[in-house]
Each structure stands twice: as structure tokens, then as C-alpha cells.
Amino acid sequence: MTNNKKRLPQEGIDAVLNLLEDMYPEARCALNYRTPFQLLVATMLSAQSTDKTVNRVTETLFVKYPGVEEFLQLEQKELEEEIRQIGLYRNKAKNILAMCRELVTRFGGEVPNNREDLISLPGVGGKTANVVLSNAFNIPAIAVDTHVFRISNRIGLTDSKNVAQTEEQLTSSIPMGLWSRAHHWLIWHGRTICNAKKPKCDLCALSQYCYYFNQKLS
């Protein structure tokens, strides 16, 4: 398939989604958690870090401090020591403790289940909010991380310059019932096939639809 426009037509987007579903039927959130609060903390920790590193840290962190009340017993320096294996650990410790305080004072210690309240918390942006909504509360959302941004624009699901525009274009062209699953499909595709520096186009089932691949052939 030759594609002269960077963004695929709707039938191409639908075909790509069908292929992704076949390729990654078991795709799910790679972060380990037991509660919405733990997922919120883990997602905040995952910025500019790998899920594997975060899971290694939270394996013991969440045993010692399973909930917001336990986190609030920590001084910032203590939390920094617990998470120092993770990038930007000082700033993350500060934001997590500030988030915990606001959860208690504004939301009775419970993680809110709507985007507006989530992004009002310290250190919580749109991507983190969408991860929590989608995975902890089963509310349809597409969290645009580096993988989703790269893959969406590389294939032609979107033609966007920033995260907000990518999210807008994805949610307008993907049925709402598939938002959360499509998010995971794209992440898994980015980790296994469509790497940032050396995409494995020869192994990719999406190549006939992919803008990036077809540009290489033209």
C-alpha cells in the first residue's frame, strides 16, 4: 500500500487496529499495583524510567508503605532513599508526598476517578491521569507516552506535533471501547517491534499500512 499522506484514512486505521489486536491479545499495563493509589504512585515514578525499574522498587516499597497514610509517615529524604534507583527521584519524592497530602485534605485519602481532579494533583499530568483512569477504574482513556506518540505518528494513525494533539486525533479515530486496549497495543508494539532507533520493519505486520515504511520505499 502506498500512502502519500502522513495520516492514514479511517479504513487504514481500522486495519492497523485489527492487526495490533491480533499481535498483542494479552497486552496490559506492565506496572505492578494492587490499588488505584499504588498505580498512581507507580505511574508517577515511571516518568523517564522503565517499568522494570519501577516494579523492582515498588516490590518492596508497597509492602512497607501500601497506602497514602503510610506514605505520609515518610520524610522526603526517606522516600528519596527508597526510590533512588529511579531517575529524578528527588523531584518525584517531593511530588508524591505533596500528592498524598492533597489526597487526604481534598479527597478523603481516595484517588479521584475523573481526569480534572487527577490532573489537579501535584506531579500528575494528562498521561498519568489517563493511565490511572484506564487501568484502575476501567474508564476509557488513551495515555500518550513516548511509545504511543512515536508509533502513532510513525505509522500514520496521527499526524501531530505534540502529545495533546496525538491524544485528540487517536480518540477521534479509535472507537471509545478500544481506547484503553489500543494504548497497550501501541506500547507493546513500540517495545517489541517498532523501536525508536532501529524499527524491525522486516518483522512488522503493519508495514503495508505504515507511512514510515512506505516513505523508505518511495
Protein backbone atom coordinates (compact mmCIF):
# COMPACT_ATOMS: atom_id res chain seq x y z
CA MET A 1 0.00 0.00 0.00
CA THR A 2 1.37 3.40 -0.96
CA ASN A 3 0.42 6.26 1.29
CA ASN A 4 1.04 9.82 0.16
CA LYS A 5 -0.47 11.41 3.24
CA LYS A 6 1.10 11.06 6.64
CA ARG A 7 -2.20 10.18 8.31
CA LEU A 8 -3.98 7.02 7.25
CA PRO A 9 -7.60 7.08 6.08
CA GLN A 10 -10.08 5.60 8.54
CA GLU A 11 -10.14 2.21 6.83
CA GLY A 12 -6.35 2.03 7.18
CA ILE A 13 -6.56 2.94 10.87
CA ASP A 14 -9.19 0.24 11.39
CA ALA A 15 -6.99 -2.32 9.63
CA VAL A 16 -3.98 -1.39 11.78
CA LEU A 17 -6.05 -1.74 14.95
CA ASN A 18 -7.26 -5.18 13.90
CA LEU A 19 -3.69 -6.30 13.24
CA LEU A 20 -2.46 -4.90 16.56
CA GLU A 21 -5.21 -6.76 18.38
CA ASP A 22 -4.13 -10.00 16.71
CA MET A 23 -0.48 -9.33 17.53
CA TYR A 24 -0.90 -8.37 21.19
CA PRO A 25 -4.06 -10.02 22.60
CA GLU A 26 -2.58 -10.16 26.11
CA ALA A 27 -1.29 -6.56 26.19
CA ARG A 28 -1.88 -4.90 29.55
CA CYS A 29 -0.36 -2.42 31.96
CA ALA A 30 3.20 -3.51 32.79
CA LEU A 31 3.30 -1.72 36.15
CA ASN A 32 2.58 -3.82 39.24
CA TYR A 33 -0.02 -2.49 41.67
CA ARG A 34 -2.89 -3.60 43.90
CA THR A 35 -4.84 -0.36 44.39
CA PRO A 36 -5.55 2.85 42.47
CA PHE A 37 -3.20 4.66 44.85
CA GLN A 38 -0.36 2.27 44.12
CA LEU A 39 -0.92 2.63 40.37
CA LEU A 40 -0.88 6.42 40.72
CA VAL A 41 2.43 6.31 42.59
CA ALA A 42 3.95 3.77 40.18
CA THR A 43 2.93 5.84 37.16
CA MET A 44 4.42 8.98 38.68
CA LEU A 45 7.64 7.05 39.26
CA SER A 46 7.69 5.72 35.70
CA ALA A 47 8.31 9.08 34.02
CA GLN A 48 11.70 8.87 32.25
CA SER A 49 12.24 5.44 33.76
CA THR A 50 11.44 1.87 32.76
CA ASP A 51 8.53 -0.14 34.10
CA LYS A 52 11.00 -2.89 35.05
CA THR A 53 12.94 -0.49 37.29
CA VAL A 54 9.77 0.89 38.83
CA ASN A 55 8.44 -2.61 39.55
CA ARG A 56 11.73 -3.56 41.19
CA VAL A 57 11.46 -0.54 43.51
CA THR A 58 7.74 -0.83 44.27
CA GLU A 59 8.03 -4.55 45.04
CA THR A 60 9.40 -3.60 48.46
CA LEU A 61 8.09 -0.03 48.65
CA PHE A 62 4.43 -1.07 48.53
CA VAL A 63 4.94 -3.77 51.14
CA LYS A 64 6.40 -1.25 53.58
CA TYR A 65 4.07 1.60 52.60
CA PRO A 66 0.91 0.18 51.00
CA GLY A 67 -1.30 3.26 51.21
CA VAL A 68 -1.46 7.02 51.47
CA GLU A 69 -1.37 7.09 55.28
CA GLU A 70 1.82 5.03 55.36
CA PHE A 71 3.44 7.29 52.74
CA LEU A 72 2.65 10.34 54.83
CA GLN A 73 4.71 8.91 57.67
CA LEU A 74 7.79 9.38 55.47
CA GLU A 75 10.02 12.41 55.34
CA GLN A 76 11.04 13.43 51.83
CA LYS A 77 14.62 12.27 52.41
CA GLU A 78 13.36 8.86 53.50
CA LEU A 79 11.24 8.45 50.38
CA GLU A 80 14.18 9.60 48.25
CA GLU A 81 16.26 6.77 49.70
CA GLU A 82 13.51 4.25 48.91
CA ILE A 83 13.27 5.30 45.24
CA ARG A 84 16.80 6.50 44.47
CA GLN A 85 17.25 3.83 41.77
CA ILE A 86 14.70 5.74 39.68
CA GLY A 87 15.54 8.80 37.62
CA LEU A 88 14.57 12.22 39.00
CA TYR A 89 13.95 10.56 42.36
CA ARG A 90 14.24 13.76 44.43
CA ASN A 91 11.59 15.63 42.48
CA LYS A 92 9.39 12.55 42.32
CA ALA A 93 9.59 12.07 46.10
CA LYS A 94 8.58 15.69 46.61
CA ASN A 95 5.62 15.42 44.21
CA ILE A 96 4.42 12.09 45.56
CA LEU A 97 4.30 13.34 49.14
CA ALA A 98 2.57 16.57 48.05
CA MET A 99 0.07 14.45 46.10
CA CYS A 100 -0.55 12.31 49.19
CA ARG A 101 -1.25 15.35 51.33
CA GLU A 102 -3.79 16.65 48.83
CA LEU A 103 -5.45 13.26 48.55
CA VAL A 104 -6.10 13.37 52.27
CA THR A 105 -7.13 17.02 52.55
CA ARG A 106 -9.23 17.23 49.39
CA PHE A 107 -10.41 13.69 48.60
CA GLY A 108 -10.57 11.87 51.92
CA GLY A 109 -7.49 9.82 51.05
CA GLU A 110 -9.12 8.30 47.97
CA VAL A 111 -7.78 8.59 44.42
CA PRO A 112 -10.36 10.51 42.35
CA ASN A 113 -11.79 8.76 39.32
CA ASN A 114 -12.02 11.74 36.99
CA ARG A 115 -9.39 13.47 34.90
CA GLU A 116 -9.98 17.01 36.16
CA ASP A 117 -9.36 16.10 39.79
CA LEU A 118 -6.43 13.83 38.96
CA ILE A 119 -4.51 16.45 36.99
CA SER A 120 -5.09 18.95 39.80
CA LEU A 121 -2.80 16.85 42.00
CA PRO A 122 0.91 17.74 42.25
CA GLY A 123 3.04 15.87 39.71
CA VAL A 124 0.07 14.38 37.86
CA GLY A 125 -0.25 15.22 34.18
CA GLY A 126 -2.60 14.04 31.48
CA LYS A 127 -0.69 10.85 30.71
CA THR A 128 -0.59 9.75 34.35
CA ALA A 129 -4.26 10.61 34.80
CA ASN A 130 -5.23 8.54 31.76
CA VAL A 131 -3.20 5.54 32.92
CA VAL A 132 -5.00 5.60 36.27
CA LEU A 133 -8.45 6.12 34.77
CA SER A 134 -7.97 3.35 32.24
CA ASN A 135 -6.33 0.70 34.39
CA ALA A 136 -7.59 1.38 37.91
CA PHE A 137 -11.15 2.46 37.10
CA ASN A 138 -11.80 0.92 33.65
CA ILE A 139 -12.68 4.34 32.25
CA PRO A 140 -11.79 4.59 28.53
CA ALA A 141 -8.66 6.70 28.00
CA ILE A 142 -5.54 6.80 25.84
CA ALA A 143 -2.36 7.70 27.68
CA VAL A 144 0.15 9.12 25.22
CA ASP A 145 3.63 8.16 26.37
CA THR A 146 6.79 8.18 24.25
CA HIS A 147 5.89 4.85 22.62
CA VAL A 148 2.32 5.85 21.76
CA PHE A 149 3.44 9.22 20.41
CA ARG A 150 6.20 7.70 18.28
CA ILE A 151 4.23 4.75 16.91
CA SER A 152 1.06 6.70 16.19
CA ASN A 153 2.91 9.31 14.15
CA ARG A 154 5.29 6.84 12.54
CA ILE A 155 2.55 4.54 11.25
CA GLY A 156 0.12 7.30 10.35
CA LEU A 157 -2.59 6.87 12.97
CA THR A 158 -1.91 10.53 13.74
CA ASP A 159 -0.09 13.44 12.17
CA SER A 160 0.67 15.57 15.19
CA LYS A 161 3.40 17.64 16.76
CA ASN A 162 2.59 17.19 20.44
CA VAL A 163 1.04 14.83 22.95
CA ALA A 164 -2.26 16.69 23.26
CA GLN A 165 -2.83 16.67 19.51
CA THR A 166 -1.89 12.99 19.32
CA GLU A 167 -4.42 12.12 22.01
CA GLU A 168 -7.09 14.19 20.27
CA GLN A 169 -6.53 12.50 16.91
CA LEU A 170 -6.39 9.00 18.39
CA THR A 171 -9.60 9.43 20.39
CA SER A 172 -11.37 10.83 17.33
CA SER A 173 -10.45 7.89 15.08
CA ILE A 174 -10.45 4.94 17.50
CA PRO A 175 -13.77 3.69 18.95
CA MET A 176 -14.04 4.58 22.62
CA GLY A 177 -14.40 0.92 23.58
CA LEU A 178 -10.91 0.27 22.22
CA TRP A 179 -9.10 3.29 23.70
CA SER A 180 -7.55 1.52 26.68
CA ARG A 181 -6.62 -1.62 24.75
CA ALA A 182 -5.21 0.34 21.81
CA HIS A 183 -2.99 2.24 24.23
CA HIS A 184 -1.44 -1.05 25.37
CA TRP A 185 -1.17 -2.44 21.84
CA LEU A 186 0.83 0.59 20.75
CA ILE A 187 3.12 0.42 23.77
CA TRP A 188 3.84 -3.27 23.25
CA HIS A 189 4.45 -2.70 19.53
CA GLY A 190 6.92 0.05 20.38
CA ARG A 191 8.77 -2.18 22.82
CA THR A 192 8.91 -5.30 20.67
CA ILE A 193 8.99 -4.23 17.00
CA CYS A 194 8.86 -0.51 16.33
CA ASN A 195 11.86 0.60 18.37
CA ALA A 196 12.86 4.23 18.40
CA LYS A 197 16.25 3.88 16.71
CA LYS A 198 16.07 0.62 14.77
CA PRO A 199 12.49 -0.40 13.98
CA LYS A 200 12.22 -4.02 12.83
CA CYS A 201 10.23 -3.25 9.70
CA ASP A 202 11.06 -6.64 8.19
CA LEU A 203 9.18 -8.33 11.05
CA CYS A 204 6.25 -5.93 11.19
CA ALA A 205 2.78 -7.00 10.08
CA LEU A 206 1.78 -3.34 9.74
CA SER A 207 4.31 -2.41 7.06
CA GLN A 208 1.81 -2.27 4.18
CA TYR A 209 -0.07 0.50 6.01
CA CYS A 210 2.88 2.26 7.63
CA TYR A 211 3.77 5.78 6.49
CA TYR A 212 7.35 5.42 7.73
CA PHE A 213 7.92 2.14 5.89
CA ASN A 214 6.34 3.32 2.66
CA GLN A 215 8.38 6.52 2.73
CA LYS A 216 11.52 4.39 2.84
CA LEU A 217 10.37 2.54 -0.28
CA SER A 218 9.47 5.64 -2.26
